[in-house]
Amino acid sequence: MKILISVVCLVFLGSFYSENKTVQVNSNGTEKVEEPLNKDDIFKYLEETREGLEESVEGLSDAQMQFKPDAEGWSVAEIVEHIIIVEGGLRSMLEAKFAEDPTPELKAEVKMTDEQILGFITDRSQKVKTQSQFEPSAKYATSEEALEAFNDQREDIVDFLKDTEVDMRNYINEFPFGKIDAYQTVLFMAGHTARHTQQIEEVKSSPGFPD
């Protein structure tokens, strides 16, 4: 299953990525290289973003869940539904990729570090309308219903990742902004949830948000 996520494409215009590292200059003129994250980090971040979303949504009334900040904006219920749609699509991508042979020879084509993945997907200074297949359909009415659907799917994703024995660094996925490995795809997934948890907080801070 090929998934195209255009929400972040514009972030990369004019950006430069070195091969497998970010080059930064220390005060003494030497290069500082970011280290890749390890497997434990990915599960910590998945849990952190799950807890963050739950904390942001849990206990909201039906009116608060359905409130829209403007005519074009999404409600909290719709944001959670969008997160679920995207995470399900990315999980399907990973399942299909792991059913194929690994492609370690493509690792050199991965130009972005883990930190860069997390940096751009959680940056809401660039806001781009999502593609139609990721649009919510007002499926969830209550916070309990939305969070149950999210947590059930996220738990299934985590179990799937923990059960897999593949080296995720050897499976390369093609995105509109370039190639990233399967490990980075999971970081993208969790970071996408963090991004939209920020959006939920923005909705809750909007004028007219129900008490």
Protein backbone atom coordinates (compact mmCIF):
# COMPACT_ATOMS: atom_id res chain seq x y z
CA MET A 1 0.00 0.00 0.00
CA LYS A 2 1.50 3.31 -1.06
CA ILE A 3 0.71 6.25 1.13
CA LEU A 4 1.38 9.85 0.18
CA ILE A 5 1.44 12.39 2.96
CA SER A 6 1.63 15.85 1.45
CA VAL A 7 1.13 17.74 4.70
CA VAL A 8 4.88 18.20 5.11
CA CYS A 9 6.17 18.48 1.54
CA LEU A 10 6.63 22.25 1.59
CA VAL A 11 8.81 22.09 4.68
CA PHE A 12 11.72 20.80 2.62
CA LEU A 13 11.87 23.52 -0.03
CA GLY A 14 15.34 24.99 0.14
CA SER A 15 16.52 22.56 2.82
CA PHE A 16 19.77 20.59 2.60
CA TYR A 17 20.36 17.19 4.14
CA SER A 18 23.74 15.48 4.26
CA GLU A 19 24.02 11.74 3.96
CA ASN A 20 22.93 10.01 7.17
CA LYS A 21 23.83 12.96 9.40
CA THR A 22 23.10 16.55 10.23
CA VAL A 23 26.19 18.71 10.17
CA GLN A 24 26.23 21.50 12.73
CA VAL A 25 29.18 23.64 13.72
CA ASN A 26 30.25 23.88 17.36
CA SER A 27 31.59 27.12 18.81
CA ASN A 28 35.16 25.86 18.29
CA GLY A 29 34.55 25.29 14.58
CA THR A 30 34.33 21.49 14.72
CA GLU A 31 31.43 19.49 13.32
CA LYS A 32 28.74 18.12 15.62
CA VAL A 33 26.98 15.00 14.32
CA GLU A 34 23.60 13.82 15.57
CA GLU A 35 23.46 10.21 16.73
CA PRO A 36 20.61 7.96 15.51
CA LEU A 37 17.96 6.93 18.00
CA ASN A 38 17.81 3.33 19.21
CA LYS A 39 14.94 0.86 19.29
CA ASP A 40 13.99 1.61 22.90
CA ASP A 41 13.61 5.29 22.00
CA ILE A 42 10.95 4.54 19.42
CA PHE A 43 8.70 2.78 21.91
CA LYS A 44 9.23 5.52 24.48
CA TYR A 45 8.16 8.09 21.93
CA LEU A 46 5.14 6.06 20.88
CA GLU A 47 4.06 5.89 24.52
CA GLU A 48 4.80 9.57 25.09
CA THR A 49 2.67 10.63 22.14
CA ARG A 50 -0.13 8.25 23.13
CA GLU A 51 -0.20 9.71 26.63
CA GLY A 52 -0.02 13.24 25.25
CA LEU A 53 -3.05 12.75 23.04
CA GLU A 54 -5.01 11.03 25.78
CA GLU A 55 -4.25 13.83 28.24
CA SER A 56 -5.34 16.44 25.70
CA VAL A 57 -8.65 14.75 24.83
CA GLU A 58 -9.74 12.76 27.89
CA GLY A 59 -12.72 14.23 29.71
CA LEU A 60 -13.79 16.64 26.99
CA SER A 61 -17.56 17.03 26.73
CA ASP A 62 -19.44 16.18 23.55
CA ALA A 63 -19.81 19.89 22.80
CA GLN A 64 -16.07 20.42 23.24
CA MET A 65 -15.29 17.44 21.00
CA GLN A 66 -17.49 18.76 18.19
CA PHE A 67 -16.54 22.45 18.43
CA LYS A 68 -14.87 23.89 15.32
CA PRO A 69 -12.76 27.05 15.62
CA ASP A 70 -13.87 28.26 12.17
CA ALA A 71 -15.65 27.09 9.04
CA GLU A 72 -12.56 25.38 7.64
CA GLY A 73 -11.15 24.03 10.89
CA TRP A 74 -11.46 20.54 12.31
CA SER A 75 -13.05 19.66 15.61
CA VAL A 76 -11.10 17.69 18.21
CA ALA A 77 -13.09 14.59 17.23
CA GLU A 78 -12.10 15.06 13.60
CA ILE A 79 -8.44 15.59 14.48
CA VAL A 80 -8.35 12.32 16.40
CA GLU A 81 -10.05 10.56 13.50
CA HIS A 82 -7.43 11.96 11.10
CA ILE A 83 -4.65 10.67 13.37
CA ILE A 84 -6.23 7.21 13.36
CA ILE A 85 -6.55 7.19 9.56
CA VAL A 86 -2.90 8.16 9.05
CA GLU A 87 -1.54 5.72 11.63
CA GLY A 88 -3.55 2.90 10.09
CA GLY A 89 -2.19 3.73 6.66
CA LEU A 90 1.39 3.82 7.88
CA ARG A 91 0.98 0.51 9.68
CA SER A 92 -0.30 -1.03 6.41
CA MET A 93 2.73 0.42 4.61
CA LEU A 94 5.09 -1.17 7.12
CA GLU A 95 3.34 -4.54 6.96
CA ALA A 96 3.64 -4.58 3.18
CA LYS A 97 7.27 -3.49 3.31
CA PHE A 98 8.27 -6.13 5.87
CA ALA A 99 6.74 -8.81 3.63
CA GLU A 100 9.34 -7.90 1.01
CA ASP A 101 13.07 -8.55 1.02
CA PRO A 102 15.16 -5.97 2.87
CA THR A 103 16.99 -3.39 0.77
CA PRO A 104 20.06 -2.35 2.78
CA GLU A 105 21.65 -1.15 -0.45
CA LEU A 106 19.20 1.77 -0.43
CA LYS A 107 20.26 3.04 2.99
CA ALA A 108 22.70 5.46 1.39
CA GLU A 109 19.71 7.19 -0.24
CA VAL A 110 18.26 8.09 3.16
CA LYS A 111 19.43 11.68 3.63
CA MET A 112 17.54 12.68 6.77
CA THR A 113 18.41 11.98 10.39
CA ASP A 114 15.92 10.80 12.99
CA GLU A 115 16.06 14.23 14.61
CA GLN A 116 15.18 15.93 11.33
CA ILE A 117 12.18 13.65 10.90
CA LEU A 118 10.90 14.60 14.35
CA GLY A 119 11.72 18.24 13.82
CA PHE A 120 9.74 18.83 10.67
CA ILE A 121 6.69 16.71 11.41
CA THR A 122 6.09 18.36 14.78
CA ASP A 123 6.62 21.89 13.43
CA ARG A 124 3.22 23.50 12.91
CA SER A 125 4.60 26.71 11.44
CA GLN A 126 3.93 25.16 8.01
CA LYS A 127 0.27 24.19 7.63
CA VAL A 128 -0.83 22.42 4.44
CA LYS A 129 -4.26 20.97 3.70
CA THR A 130 -4.26 17.19 3.91
CA GLN A 131 -5.17 14.92 1.01
CA SER A 132 -8.76 13.75 0.61
CA GLN A 133 -8.07 10.15 1.69
CA PHE A 134 -6.94 11.43 5.09
CA GLU A 135 -9.93 13.72 5.65
CA PRO A 136 -12.07 12.82 8.70
CA SER A 137 -15.75 12.02 8.30
CA ALA A 138 -17.04 13.06 11.76
CA LYS A 139 -17.02 9.42 12.80
CA TYR A 140 -16.63 9.90 16.56
CA ALA A 141 -19.08 11.70 18.81
CA THR A 142 -17.45 11.43 22.24
CA SER A 143 -13.96 11.59 23.72
CA GLU A 144 -14.36 8.06 25.05
CA GLU A 145 -15.24 6.69 21.62
CA ALA A 146 -12.41 8.51 19.85
CA LEU A 147 -9.75 7.59 22.40
CA GLU A 148 -10.84 3.95 22.50
CA ALA A 149 -10.42 3.70 18.73
CA PHE A 150 -7.04 5.42 18.86
CA ASN A 151 -5.70 3.39 21.78
CA ASP A 152 -6.91 0.06 20.34
CA GLN A 153 -5.15 0.73 17.05
CA ARG A 154 -2.01 2.17 18.66
CA GLU A 155 -1.71 -0.87 20.96
CA ASP A 156 -2.03 -3.12 17.92
CA ILE A 157 0.68 -1.16 16.12
CA VAL A 158 3.06 -1.36 19.09
CA ASP A 159 2.47 -5.12 19.42
CA PHE A 160 3.13 -5.54 15.70
CA LEU A 161 6.40 -3.62 15.92
CA LYS A 162 7.57 -5.45 19.03
CA ASP A 163 6.82 -8.82 17.46
CA THR A 164 8.65 -8.13 14.22
CA GLU A 165 12.22 -9.40 14.05
CA VAL A 166 13.30 -7.40 11.01
CA ASP A 167 15.96 -4.71 11.12
CA MET A 168 13.82 -1.68 10.33
CA ARG A 169 16.87 0.28 9.19
CA ASN A 170 17.12 -2.09 6.20
CA TYR A 171 13.62 -1.35 4.86
CA ILE A 172 13.33 1.90 2.92
CA ASN A 173 10.06 3.73 2.22
CA GLU A 174 9.50 6.35 -0.46
CA PHE A 175 7.76 9.55 0.64
CA PRO A 176 7.12 12.70 -1.39
CA PHE A 177 9.99 14.38 0.45
CA GLY A 178 12.48 11.55 -0.04
CA LYS A 179 13.44 8.11 1.23
CA ILE A 180 13.31 7.23 4.92
CA ASP A 181 13.78 3.89 6.62
CA ALA A 182 11.04 1.96 8.41
CA TYR A 183 12.29 3.06 11.82
CA GLN A 184 11.98 6.68 10.73
CA THR A 185 8.53 5.90 9.35
CA VAL A 186 7.44 4.96 12.87
CA LEU A 187 8.99 8.17 14.20
CA PHE A 188 7.04 10.03 11.54
CA MET A 189 3.86 8.29 12.71
CA ALA A 190 4.36 9.20 16.36
CA GLY A 191 5.49 12.72 15.47
CA HIS A 192 2.39 13.18 13.34
CA THR A 193 0.30 12.41 16.43
CA ALA A 194 2.31 14.92 18.46
CA ARG A 195 1.78 17.50 15.70
CA HIS A 196 -1.98 17.12 15.83
CA THR A 197 -2.06 17.01 19.61
CA GLN A 198 -0.67 20.54 19.34
CA GLN A 199 -3.55 21.32 16.98
CA ILE A 200 -6.03 20.02 19.55
CA GLU A 201 -4.56 22.38 22.13
CA GLU A 202 -4.95 25.21 19.63
CA VAL A 203 -8.63 24.33 19.19
CA LYS A 204 -9.11 24.26 22.97
CA SER A 205 -7.58 27.74 23.18
CA SER A 206 -9.86 29.16 20.46
CA PRO A 207 -12.40 31.89 21.31
CA GLY A 208 -15.77 30.33 21.93
CA PHE A 209 -14.50 26.90 22.97
CA PRO A 210 -17.27 25.51 25.24
CA ASP A 211 -16.72 25.48 29.01
